[in-house]
Amino acid sequence: MKMIKARLYTEHKNREAIERSFAQHFSNFTIFEAAGYWKGTRENSVCIEVIALYERCIMQDIFTLIAEKINRGNDQECCMFTLEEIETFAVYSR
């Protein structure tokens, strides 16, 4: 099945607020903790990944809203996200 994979990269700050923002729009998502660099300085980061059956433009609009909210809430200059079309496969045990 063809789906959209979207990932948002941001500073590990106000994580609960970030999770609430995603939970308002998606019932399933994954959070990865990472080390990121912004303008040559290391910072603790999080990457939030959503794989969903949405139109690309709708996913882009939702992620833009969330990124803008994170920028305001965390007083950040930038929050980046990526979108890519993927093929998914599910393996069920029952």
C-alpha atoms as a PDB file:
ATOM      1  CA  MET A   1       0.000   0.000   0.000  1.00  0.00           C
ATOM      2  CA  LYS A   2       1.363   3.433  -0.903  1.00  0.00           C
ATOM      3  CA  MET A   3       1.480   5.839   2.015  1.00  0.00           C
ATOM      4  CA  ILE A   4       3.222   9.016   3.144  1.00  0.00           C
ATOM      5  CA  LYS A   5       6.048   8.954   5.674  1.00  0.00           C
ATOM      6  CA  ALA A   6       6.534  12.292   7.387  1.00  0.00           C
ATOM      7  CA  ARG A   7       9.269  13.110   9.881  1.00  0.00           C
ATOM      8  CA  LEU A   8       9.625  16.221  11.980  1.00  0.00           C
ATOM      9  CA  TYR A   9      12.972  17.148  13.548  1.00  0.00           C
ATOM     10  CA  THR A  10      13.135  19.488  16.526  1.00  0.00           C
ATOM     11  CA  GLU A  11      14.931  20.279  19.754  1.00  0.00           C
ATOM     12  CA  HIS A  12      14.081  17.978  22.686  1.00  0.00           C
ATOM     13  CA  LYS A  13      12.186  20.661  24.580  1.00  0.00           C
ATOM     14  CA  ASN A  14       8.587  20.620  25.890  1.00  0.00           C
ATOM     15  CA  ARG A  15       8.209  17.033  24.707  1.00  0.00           C
ATOM     16  CA  GLU A  16       4.792  16.544  26.296  1.00  0.00           C
ATOM     17  CA  ALA A  17       3.420  19.521  24.355  1.00  0.00           C
ATOM     18  CA  ILE A  18       4.913  18.121  21.153  1.00  0.00           C
ATOM     19  CA  GLU A  19       3.305  14.722  21.788  1.00  0.00           C
ATOM     20  CA  ARG A  20      -0.074  16.376  22.455  1.00  0.00           C
ATOM     21  CA  SER A  21       0.197  18.307  19.180  1.00  0.00           C
ATOM     22  CA  PHE A  22       0.748  15.087  17.238  1.00  0.00           C
ATOM     23  CA  ALA A  23      -1.929  13.188  19.157  1.00  0.00           C
ATOM     24  CA  GLN A  24      -4.499  15.828  18.132  1.00  0.00           C
ATOM     25  CA  HIS A  25      -3.972  14.865  14.487  1.00  0.00           C
ATOM     26  CA  PHE A  26      -2.695  11.265  14.474  1.00  0.00           C
ATOM     27  CA  SER A  27      -3.559   8.121  16.435  1.00  0.00           C
ATOM     28  CA  ASN A  28      -0.219   6.474  15.555  1.00  0.00           C
ATOM     29  CA  PHE A  29       3.262   7.973  15.534  1.00  0.00           C
ATOM     30  CA  THR A  30       6.804   7.128  16.652  1.00  0.00           C
ATOM     31  CA  ILE A  31       9.274   9.308  18.545  1.00  0.00           C
ATOM     32  CA  PHE A  32      13.029   8.850  18.215  1.00  0.00           C
ATOM     33  CA  GLU A  33      15.494  10.581  20.520  1.00  0.00           C
ATOM     34  CA  ALA A  34      18.572  11.880  18.713  1.00  0.00           C
ATOM     35  CA  ALA A  35      21.524  14.236  18.805  1.00  0.00           C
ATOM     36  CA  GLY A  36      21.115  17.061  16.318  1.00  0.00           C
ATOM     37  CA  TYR A  37      23.208  20.027  15.265  1.00  0.00           C
ATOM     38  CA  TRP A  38      21.902  23.511  14.630  1.00  0.00           C
ATOM     39  CA  LYS A  39      24.362  26.112  13.350  1.00  0.00           C
ATOM     40  CA  GLY A  40      27.286  23.963  14.509  1.00  0.00           C
ATOM     41  CA  THR A  41      26.013  23.453  18.049  1.00  0.00           C
ATOM     42  CA  ARG A  42      24.934  20.041  19.344  1.00  0.00           C
ATOM     43  CA  GLU A  43      21.492  19.782  20.914  1.00  0.00           C
ATOM     44  CA  ASN A  44      19.307  16.985  22.183  1.00  0.00           C
ATOM     45  CA  SER A  45      16.642  16.397  19.575  1.00  0.00           C
ATOM     46  CA  VAL A  46      13.558  14.361  18.814  1.00  0.00           C
ATOM     47  CA  CYS A  47      12.320  13.016  15.509  1.00  0.00           C
ATOM     48  CA  ILE A  48       8.615  12.282  15.223  1.00  0.00           C
ATOM     49  CA  GLU A  49       7.593   9.940  12.414  1.00  0.00           C
ATOM     50  CA  VAL A  50       4.102   9.418  11.040  1.00  0.00           C
ATOM     51  CA  ILE A  51       3.203   6.898   8.356  1.00  0.00           C
ATOM     52  CA  ALA A  52      -0.327   7.470   7.143  1.00  0.00           C
ATOM     53  CA  LEU A  53      -2.682   7.165   4.224  1.00  0.00           C
ATOM     54  CA  TYR A  54      -3.090  10.907   3.589  1.00  0.00           C
ATOM     55  CA  GLU A  55      -2.757  13.022   0.502  1.00  0.00           C
ATOM     56  CA  ARG A  56       0.690  14.623   0.419  1.00  0.00           C
ATOM     57  CA  CYS A  57      -0.722  18.164   0.541  1.00  0.00           C
ATOM     58  CA  ILE A  58      -2.867  17.365   3.610  1.00  0.00           C
ATOM     59  CA  MET A  59       0.099  15.831   5.450  1.00  0.00           C
ATOM     60  CA  GLN A  60       2.194  18.875   4.545  1.00  0.00           C
ATOM     61  CA  ASP A  61      -0.489  21.229   5.910  1.00  0.00           C
ATOM     62  CA  ILE A  62      -0.771  19.295   9.195  1.00  0.00           C
ATOM     63  CA  PHE A  63       2.996  19.151   9.694  1.00  0.00           C
ATOM     64  CA  THR A  64       3.327  22.855   8.894  1.00  0.00           C
ATOM     65  CA  LEU A  65       0.748  23.676  11.598  1.00  0.00           C
ATOM     66  CA  ILE A  66       2.543  21.481  14.137  1.00  0.00           C
ATOM     67  CA  ALA A  67       5.978  22.913  13.221  1.00  0.00           C
ATOM     68  CA  GLU A  68       4.701  26.481  13.597  1.00  0.00           C
ATOM     69  CA  LYS A  69       3.216  25.592  16.996  1.00  0.00           C
ATOM     70  CA  ILE A  70       6.511  24.053  18.130  1.00  0.00           C
ATOM     71  CA  ASN A  71       8.476  27.100  16.925  1.00  0.00           C
ATOM     72  CA  ARG A  72       6.240  29.415  18.936  1.00  0.00           C
ATOM     73  CA  GLY A  73       6.073  27.212  22.033  1.00  0.00           C
ATOM     74  CA  ASN A  74       9.810  26.515  22.150  1.00  0.00           C
ATOM     75  CA  ASP A  75      10.936  29.929  20.900  1.00  0.00           C
ATOM     76  CA  GLN A  76      12.742  28.224  18.015  1.00  0.00           C
ATOM     77  CA  GLU A  77      13.951  29.773  14.805  1.00  0.00           C
ATOM     78  CA  CYS A  78      13.277  26.671  12.714  1.00  0.00           C
ATOM     79  CA  CYS A  79      11.582  23.292  12.811  1.00  0.00           C
ATOM     80  CA  MET A  80      12.122  20.969   9.834  1.00  0.00           C
ATOM     81  CA  PHE A  81      10.029  18.152   8.419  1.00  0.00           C
ATOM     82  CA  THR A  82      10.312  15.788   5.476  1.00  0.00           C
ATOM     83  CA  LEU A  83       7.702  13.965   3.407  1.00  0.00           C
ATOM     84  CA  GLU A  84       8.212  10.918   1.249  1.00  0.00           C
ATOM     85  CA  GLU A  85       5.971   8.466  -0.532  1.00  0.00           C
ATOM     86  CA  ILE A  86       6.620   4.892   0.578  1.00  0.00           C
ATOM     87  CA  GLU A  87       5.292   1.402   0.016  1.00  0.00           C
ATOM     88  CA  THR A  88       4.253  -0.326   3.247  1.00  0.00           C
ATOM     89  CA  PHE A  89       3.837  -3.974   4.145  1.00  0.00           C
ATOM     90  CA  ALA A  90       2.160  -5.327   7.276  1.00  0.00           C
ATOM     91  CA  VAL A  91       2.782  -8.765   8.713  1.00  0.00           C
ATOM     92  CA  TYR A  92       0.154 -10.035  11.137  1.00  0.00           C
ATOM     93  CA  SER A  93       0.596 -12.990  13.468  1.00  0.00           C
ATOM     94  CA  ARG A  94      -3.112 -13.723  13.900  1.00  0.00           C
END
